[in-house]
N, C-alpha and C. Protein backbone atom coordinates (compact mmCIF):
# COMPACT_ATOMS: atom_id res chain seq x y z
N UNK A 1 96.75 82.57 87.48
CA UNK A 1 96.50 83.78 88.20
C UNK A 1 97.05 83.61 89.61
N UNK A 2 97.57 84.68 90.16
CA UNK A 2 98.11 84.68 91.51
C UNK A 2 97.45 85.76 92.35
N UNK A 3 97.29 85.47 93.61
CA UNK A 3 96.89 86.48 94.58
C UNK A 3 98.16 86.87 95.33
N UNK A 4 98.45 88.14 95.38
CA UNK A 4 99.60 88.60 96.15
C UNK A 4 99.11 89.23 97.43
N UNK A 5 99.56 88.69 98.55
CA UNK A 5 99.19 89.19 99.86
C UNK A 5 100.39 89.95 100.42
N UNK A 6 100.16 91.19 100.77
CA UNK A 6 101.22 92.01 101.35
C UNK A 6 100.82 92.42 102.74
N UNK A 7 101.76 92.29 103.65
CA UNK A 7 101.53 92.72 105.02
C UNK A 7 102.10 94.12 105.18
N UNK A 8 101.23 95.03 105.47
CA UNK A 8 101.63 96.40 105.83
C UNK A 8 100.84 96.74 107.08
N UNK A 9 101.01 97.94 107.55
CA UNK A 9 100.37 98.31 108.80
C UNK A 9 99.47 99.51 108.60
N UNK A 10 98.24 99.40 109.08
CA UNK A 10 97.25 100.45 108.93
C UNK A 10 97.73 101.76 109.58
N UNK A 11 98.47 101.63 110.66
CA UNK A 11 98.94 102.83 111.37
C UNK A 11 100.07 103.55 110.63
N UNK A 12 100.65 102.92 109.63
CA UNK A 12 101.75 103.52 108.89
C UNK A 12 101.26 104.78 108.18
N UNK A 13 101.99 105.87 108.32
CA UNK A 13 101.56 107.15 107.75
C UNK A 13 101.37 107.10 106.24
N UNK A 14 102.18 106.31 105.55
CA UNK A 14 102.09 106.26 104.10
C UNK A 14 101.00 105.31 103.60
N UNK A 15 100.29 104.61 104.52
CA UNK A 15 99.22 103.71 104.11
C UNK A 15 98.08 104.55 103.55
N UNK A 16 97.64 104.28 102.30
CA UNK A 16 96.73 105.21 101.63
C UNK A 16 95.25 105.10 101.99
N UNK A 17 94.84 104.11 102.79
CA UNK A 17 93.43 103.90 103.05
C UNK A 17 93.06 104.15 104.50
N UNK A 18 91.82 104.56 104.71
CA UNK A 18 91.30 104.62 106.07
C UNK A 18 90.96 103.19 106.49
N UNK A 19 90.66 102.98 107.75
CA UNK A 19 90.30 101.65 108.21
C UNK A 19 89.03 101.16 107.49
N UNK A 20 88.06 102.05 107.31
CA UNK A 20 86.83 101.68 106.62
C UNK A 20 87.10 101.30 105.17
N UNK A 21 87.90 102.08 104.47
CA UNK A 21 88.25 101.78 103.08
C UNK A 21 89.01 100.45 102.98
N UNK A 22 89.89 100.21 103.93
CA UNK A 22 90.67 98.98 103.95
C UNK A 22 89.75 97.77 104.12
N UNK A 23 88.79 97.86 105.05
CA UNK A 23 87.86 96.77 105.27
C UNK A 23 86.97 96.53 104.04
N UNK A 24 86.57 97.61 103.37
CA UNK A 24 85.79 97.47 102.14
C UNK A 24 86.60 96.77 101.05
N UNK A 25 87.87 97.11 100.96
CA UNK A 25 88.75 96.46 99.98
C UNK A 25 88.91 94.97 100.29
N UNK A 26 89.11 94.64 101.56
CA UNK A 26 89.21 93.24 101.96
C UNK A 26 87.94 92.47 101.65
N UNK A 27 86.79 93.09 101.90
CA UNK A 27 85.50 92.46 101.60
C UNK A 27 85.36 92.18 100.10
N UNK A 28 85.79 93.13 99.28
CA UNK A 28 85.71 92.95 97.82
C UNK A 28 86.60 91.80 97.36
N UNK A 29 87.81 91.74 97.88
CA UNK A 29 88.73 90.65 97.51
C UNK A 29 88.17 89.32 97.98
N UNK A 30 87.66 89.27 99.20
CA UNK A 30 87.08 88.04 99.74
C UNK A 30 85.90 87.57 98.88
N UNK A 31 85.11 88.51 98.38
CA UNK A 31 83.96 88.15 97.53
C UNK A 31 84.44 87.49 96.24
N UNK A 32 85.47 88.05 95.61
CA UNK A 32 86.02 87.44 94.41
C UNK A 32 86.54 86.04 94.70
N UNK A 33 87.33 85.90 95.77
CA UNK A 33 87.92 84.60 96.10
C UNK A 33 86.84 83.56 96.36
N UNK A 34 85.76 83.98 97.01
CA UNK A 34 84.65 83.07 97.28
C UNK A 34 83.94 82.69 95.97
N UNK A 35 83.67 83.68 95.13
CA UNK A 35 83.01 83.43 93.84
C UNK A 35 83.84 82.47 92.98
N UNK A 36 85.15 82.61 93.03
CA UNK A 36 86.04 81.76 92.23
C UNK A 36 86.27 80.39 92.85
N UNK A 37 85.80 80.19 94.08
CA UNK A 37 85.97 78.90 94.74
C UNK A 37 87.37 78.62 95.24
N UNK A 38 88.15 79.67 95.52
CA UNK A 38 89.54 79.48 95.95
C UNK A 38 89.81 80.03 97.36
N UNK A 39 88.77 80.37 98.09
CA UNK A 39 88.96 80.96 99.42
C UNK A 39 89.72 80.01 100.35
N UNK A 40 89.39 78.72 100.33
CA UNK A 40 90.09 77.77 101.19
C UNK A 40 91.56 77.63 100.80
N UNK A 41 91.84 77.67 99.50
CA UNK A 41 93.22 77.62 99.02
C UNK A 41 94.02 78.79 99.58
N UNK A 42 93.42 79.97 99.56
CA UNK A 42 94.11 81.17 100.05
C UNK A 42 94.32 81.08 101.57
N UNK A 43 93.29 80.66 102.29
CA UNK A 43 93.43 80.52 103.75
C UNK A 43 94.57 79.58 104.10
N UNK A 44 94.61 78.44 103.44
CA UNK A 44 95.66 77.44 103.72
C UNK A 44 97.04 78.00 103.38
N UNK A 45 97.16 78.66 102.24
CA UNK A 45 98.46 79.19 101.83
C UNK A 45 98.97 80.25 102.81
N UNK A 46 98.07 81.11 103.29
CA UNK A 46 98.48 82.14 104.25
C UNK A 46 98.94 81.50 105.55
N UNK A 47 98.21 80.49 106.01
CA UNK A 47 98.58 79.84 107.27
C UNK A 47 99.88 79.06 107.14
N UNK A 48 100.20 78.58 105.95
CA UNK A 48 101.39 77.75 105.77
C UNK A 48 102.62 78.53 105.31
N UNK A 49 102.47 79.82 105.05
CA UNK A 49 103.61 80.57 104.53
C UNK A 49 104.75 80.62 105.53
N UNK A 50 105.94 80.62 105.01
CA UNK A 50 107.14 80.73 105.84
C UNK A 50 107.61 82.18 105.94
N UNK A 51 106.90 83.07 105.26
CA UNK A 51 107.23 84.49 105.31
C UNK A 51 106.32 85.16 106.32
N UNK A 52 106.80 85.39 107.52
CA UNK A 52 105.95 86.01 108.53
C UNK A 52 105.66 87.47 108.19
N UNK A 53 104.53 87.99 108.65
CA UNK A 53 104.23 89.40 108.40
C UNK A 53 105.26 90.30 109.06
N UNK A 54 105.45 91.45 108.50
CA UNK A 54 106.38 92.41 109.07
C UNK A 54 107.18 93.09 107.98
N UNK A 55 108.01 94.00 108.38
CA UNK A 55 108.81 94.76 107.44
C UNK A 55 110.10 94.05 107.11
N UNK A 56 110.57 94.28 105.90
CA UNK A 56 111.89 93.80 105.52
C UNK A 56 112.91 94.84 105.96
N UNK A 57 114.16 94.54 105.78
CA UNK A 57 115.22 95.45 106.23
C UNK A 57 115.09 96.83 105.60
N UNK A 58 114.72 96.91 104.34
CA UNK A 58 114.61 98.20 103.65
C UNK A 58 113.33 98.94 103.95
N UNK A 59 112.49 98.43 104.82
CA UNK A 59 111.24 99.11 105.16
C UNK A 59 110.07 98.72 104.28
N UNK A 60 110.30 97.86 103.30
CA UNK A 60 109.21 97.43 102.42
C UNK A 60 108.35 96.38 103.08
N UNK A 61 107.25 96.08 102.48
CA UNK A 61 106.36 95.06 103.02
C UNK A 61 106.72 93.70 102.45
N UNK A 62 106.36 92.66 103.15
CA UNK A 62 106.58 91.29 102.67
C UNK A 62 105.39 90.92 101.78
N UNK A 63 105.69 90.11 100.77
CA UNK A 63 104.64 89.70 99.84
C UNK A 63 104.69 88.19 99.67
N UNK A 64 103.52 87.58 99.65
CA UNK A 64 103.39 86.16 99.37
C UNK A 64 102.52 86.01 98.13
N UNK A 65 103.00 85.28 97.13
CA UNK A 65 102.23 85.02 95.92
C UNK A 65 101.58 83.65 96.04
N UNK A 66 100.27 83.61 95.88
CA UNK A 66 99.51 82.38 96.01
C UNK A 66 98.90 82.04 94.65
N UNK A 67 99.31 80.90 94.05
CA UNK A 67 98.71 80.52 92.77
C UNK A 67 97.25 80.12 92.95
N UNK A 68 96.40 80.59 92.05
CA UNK A 68 94.97 80.30 92.12
C UNK A 68 94.54 79.51 90.88
N UNK A 69 93.84 78.44 91.10
CA UNK A 69 93.28 77.65 90.00
C UNK A 69 91.91 78.22 89.66
N UNK A 70 91.91 79.26 88.85
CA UNK A 70 90.67 79.97 88.51
C UNK A 70 90.39 79.79 87.02
N UNK A 71 89.18 79.40 86.70
CA UNK A 71 88.76 79.29 85.31
C UNK A 71 88.34 80.68 84.83
N UNK A 72 89.14 81.26 83.96
CA UNK A 72 88.88 82.62 83.49
C UNK A 72 88.04 82.65 82.21
N UNK A 73 87.51 81.51 81.82
CA UNK A 73 86.73 81.47 80.59
C UNK A 73 85.23 81.57 80.83
N UNK A 74 84.81 81.77 82.07
CA UNK A 74 83.38 81.81 82.39
C UNK A 74 82.72 83.11 82.03
N UNK A 75 81.62 83.38 82.70
CA UNK A 75 80.79 84.55 82.37
C UNK A 75 81.49 85.88 82.64
N UNK A 76 82.52 85.88 83.49
CA UNK A 76 83.21 87.13 83.80
C UNK A 76 84.54 87.24 83.05
N UNK A 77 84.73 86.44 82.00
CA UNK A 77 86.00 86.41 81.31
C UNK A 77 86.38 87.76 80.69
N UNK A 78 85.39 88.58 80.37
CA UNK A 78 85.70 89.89 79.76
C UNK A 78 86.46 90.80 80.71
N UNK A 79 86.41 90.51 82.01
CA UNK A 79 87.16 91.33 82.98
C UNK A 79 88.67 91.16 82.82
N UNK A 80 89.10 90.10 82.16
CA UNK A 80 90.54 89.78 82.09
C UNK A 80 91.11 90.00 80.71
N UNK A 81 90.40 90.68 79.84
CA UNK A 81 90.89 90.94 78.49
C UNK A 81 91.66 92.23 78.44
């Protein structure tokens, strides 16, 4: 499983979430990462990435894929079927 982190800007007109909705989404993702025991892995990968935040030439966002060592056979395995 991979976590894909994309850098976009809240002020961008095409950004679909309000600031409150964005923070709620981040909280939900953080809760999953913490439950799965991979929060430190994600923190380290973000800090070590060579892809700085910002726009690419075509106006798209940059994305970093972070591999996660998550056991998907546990009690929440039905979420991934």
